[in-house]
Amino acid sequence: MADDGDDPVTLDEVRRTFFRDPPLGQQGYRREDVGDFVVTVEERLLGRNTLSADEVREVRFRRPKIFRRGYHPEDVDEFLDRVAATLEG
């Protein structure tokens, strides 16, 4: 995942964000749920919705279906922290 520290998340960064697979033996977050939320973030940065920092902090993702792997939770959580900070700024 791209990480620029405390800099605001840009539209370009959202569009090229990727998340690692979780460690073996862990499922992580369901890819479809995370992907849908990334689209919501992109649309917020385009001014097409009113997603708030609080809504970003409150989002919860399901676990993948059995025998599937999702996205690494730490990568996703770091991204969400930066998105929330950007929306507050």
C-alpha atoms as a PDB file:
ATOM      1  CA  MET A   1       0.000   0.000   0.000  1.00  0.00           C
ATOM      2  CA  ALA A   2       1.217   3.481  -0.766  1.00  0.00           C
ATOM      3  CA  ASP A   3       1.886   5.517   2.355  1.00  0.00           C
ATOM      4  CA  ASP A   4       2.872   9.145   2.365  1.00  0.00           C
ATOM      5  CA  GLY A   5       2.825   9.538   6.150  1.00  0.00           C
ATOM      6  CA  ASP A   6       0.644  12.380   7.371  1.00  0.00           C
ATOM      7  CA  ASP A   7       0.022  13.947   3.954  1.00  0.00           C
ATOM      8  CA  PRO A   8      -3.618  14.187   2.863  1.00  0.00           C
ATOM      9  CA  VAL A   9      -4.875  11.329   0.721  1.00  0.00           C
ATOM     10  CA  THR A  10      -5.183  12.428  -2.896  1.00  0.00           C
ATOM     11  CA  LEU A  11      -7.593  11.188  -5.535  1.00  0.00           C
ATOM     12  CA  ASP A  12      -4.668   9.781  -7.529  1.00  0.00           C
ATOM     13  CA  GLU A  13      -3.415   7.890  -4.482  1.00  0.00           C
ATOM     14  CA  VAL A  14      -6.852   6.411  -3.835  1.00  0.00           C
ATOM     15  CA  ARG A  15      -7.033   5.244  -7.439  1.00  0.00           C
ATOM     16  CA  ARG A  16      -3.700   3.445  -7.225  1.00  0.00           C
ATOM     17  CA  THR A  17      -4.004   2.097  -3.678  1.00  0.00           C
ATOM     18  CA  PHE A  18      -3.340  -1.587  -3.199  1.00  0.00           C
ATOM     19  CA  PHE A  19      -3.399  -3.771  -0.120  1.00  0.00           C
ATOM     20  CA  ARG A  20      -1.273  -6.796   0.646  1.00  0.00           C
ATOM     21  CA  ASP A  21      -2.634 -10.251   1.391  1.00  0.00           C
ATOM     22  CA  PRO A  22      -2.883 -10.997   5.106  1.00  0.00           C
ATOM     23  CA  PRO A  23      -0.333 -13.319   6.683  1.00  0.00           C
ATOM     24  CA  LEU A  24      -0.902 -17.019   6.061  1.00  0.00           C
ATOM     25  CA  GLY A  25      -3.537 -18.380   8.400  1.00  0.00           C
ATOM     26  CA  GLN A  26      -5.398 -15.053   8.593  1.00  0.00           C
ATOM     27  CA  GLN A  27      -8.369 -14.081   6.499  1.00  0.00           C
ATOM     28  CA  GLY A  28      -8.193 -10.300   6.630  1.00  0.00           C
ATOM     29  CA  TYR A  29     -10.986  -8.060   5.349  1.00  0.00           C
ATOM     30  CA  ARG A  30     -13.295  -9.102   2.524  1.00  0.00           C
ATOM     31  CA  ARG A  31     -11.902  -7.719  -0.728  1.00  0.00           C
ATOM     32  CA  GLU A  32     -15.290  -6.775  -2.187  1.00  0.00           C
ATOM     33  CA  ASP A  33     -16.245  -4.765   0.906  1.00  0.00           C
ATOM     34  CA  VAL A  34     -12.947  -2.895   0.967  1.00  0.00           C
ATOM     35  CA  GLY A  35     -13.085  -2.268  -2.779  1.00  0.00           C
ATOM     36  CA  ASP A  36     -16.604  -0.867  -2.533  1.00  0.00           C
ATOM     37  CA  PHE A  37     -15.507   1.440   0.281  1.00  0.00           C
ATOM     38  CA  VAL A  38     -12.483   2.656  -1.670  1.00  0.00           C
ATOM     39  CA  VAL A  39     -14.902   3.647  -4.453  1.00  0.00           C
ATOM     40  CA  THR A  40     -16.954   5.538  -1.848  1.00  0.00           C
ATOM     41  CA  VAL A  41     -13.788   7.376  -0.744  1.00  0.00           C
ATOM     42  CA  GLU A  42     -12.955   8.200  -4.361  1.00  0.00           C
ATOM     43  CA  GLU A  43     -16.436   9.579  -4.921  1.00  0.00           C
ATOM     44  CA  ARG A  44     -16.150  11.663  -1.747  1.00  0.00           C
ATOM     45  CA  LEU A  45     -12.940  13.229  -3.014  1.00  0.00           C
ATOM     46  CA  LEU A  46     -14.781  14.016  -6.253  1.00  0.00           C
ATOM     47  CA  GLY A  47     -17.553  15.719  -4.249  1.00  0.00           C
ATOM     48  CA  ARG A  48     -20.179  13.116  -5.124  1.00  0.00           C
ATOM     49  CA  ASN A  49     -21.110  12.111  -1.567  1.00  0.00           C
ATOM     50  CA  THR A  50     -20.837  13.403   1.988  1.00  0.00           C
ATOM     51  CA  LEU A  51     -18.735  10.644   3.571  1.00  0.00           C
ATOM     52  CA  SER A  52     -17.436  11.937   6.903  1.00  0.00           C
ATOM     53  CA  ALA A  53     -14.327  11.168   8.927  1.00  0.00           C
ATOM     54  CA  ASP A  54     -16.547   9.593  11.601  1.00  0.00           C
ATOM     55  CA  GLU A  55     -18.135   7.291   9.020  1.00  0.00           C
ATOM     56  CA  VAL A  56     -14.676   6.238   7.877  1.00  0.00           C
ATOM     57  CA  ARG A  57     -13.694   5.421  11.468  1.00  0.00           C
ATOM     58  CA  GLU A  58     -16.903   3.441  12.022  1.00  0.00           C
ATOM     59  CA  VAL A  59     -16.756   1.270   8.896  1.00  0.00           C
ATOM     60  CA  ARG A  60     -16.472  -2.471   9.532  1.00  0.00           C
ATOM     61  CA  PHE A  61     -15.600  -5.078   6.943  1.00  0.00           C
ATOM     62  CA  ARG A  62     -16.731  -8.672   6.879  1.00  0.00           C
ATOM     63  CA  ARG A  63     -14.329 -11.579   6.845  1.00  0.00           C
ATOM     64  CA  PRO A  64     -13.873 -13.351   3.501  1.00  0.00           C
ATOM     65  CA  LYS A  65     -15.821 -16.463   2.690  1.00  0.00           C
ATOM     66  CA  ILE A  66     -14.280 -19.696   3.878  1.00  0.00           C
ATOM     67  CA  PHE A  67     -11.043 -20.670   2.107  1.00  0.00           C
ATOM     68  CA  ARG A  68     -10.651 -17.133   0.718  1.00  0.00           C
ATOM     69  CA  ARG A  69      -8.129 -14.514   1.691  1.00  0.00           C
ATOM     70  CA  GLY A  70      -8.910 -10.860   2.013  1.00  0.00           C
ATOM     71  CA  TYR A  71      -6.790  -7.751   2.372  1.00  0.00           C
ATOM     72  CA  HIS A  72      -4.255  -7.222   5.132  1.00  0.00           C
ATOM     73  CA  PRO A  73      -6.131  -5.442   7.972  1.00  0.00           C
ATOM     74  CA  GLU A  74      -3.158  -3.267   8.942  1.00  0.00           C
ATOM     75  CA  ASP A  75      -2.844  -1.893   5.391  1.00  0.00           C
ATOM     76  CA  VAL A  76      -6.551  -1.133   5.191  1.00  0.00           C
ATOM     77  CA  ASP A  77      -6.657   0.409   8.676  1.00  0.00           C
ATOM     78  CA  GLU A  78      -3.682   2.687   7.917  1.00  0.00           C
ATOM     79  CA  PHE A  79      -5.377   3.831   4.719  1.00  0.00           C
ATOM     80  CA  LEU A  80      -8.631   4.522   6.591  1.00  0.00           C
ATOM     81  CA  ASP A  81      -6.782   6.525   9.257  1.00  0.00           C
ATOM     82  CA  ARG A  82      -5.280   8.733   6.560  1.00  0.00           C
ATOM     83  CA  VAL A  83      -8.632   9.116   4.780  1.00  0.00           C
ATOM     84  CA  ALA A  84     -10.304  10.167   8.047  1.00  0.00           C
ATOM     85  CA  ALA A  85      -7.526  12.687   8.733  1.00  0.00           C
ATOM     86  CA  THR A  86      -7.876  14.070   5.215  1.00  0.00           C
ATOM     87  CA  LEU A  87     -11.618  14.509   5.567  1.00  0.00           C
ATOM     88  CA  GLU A  88     -11.155  16.316   8.884  1.00  0.00           C
ATOM     89  CA  GLY A  89      -8.478  18.629   7.495  1.00  0.00           C
END
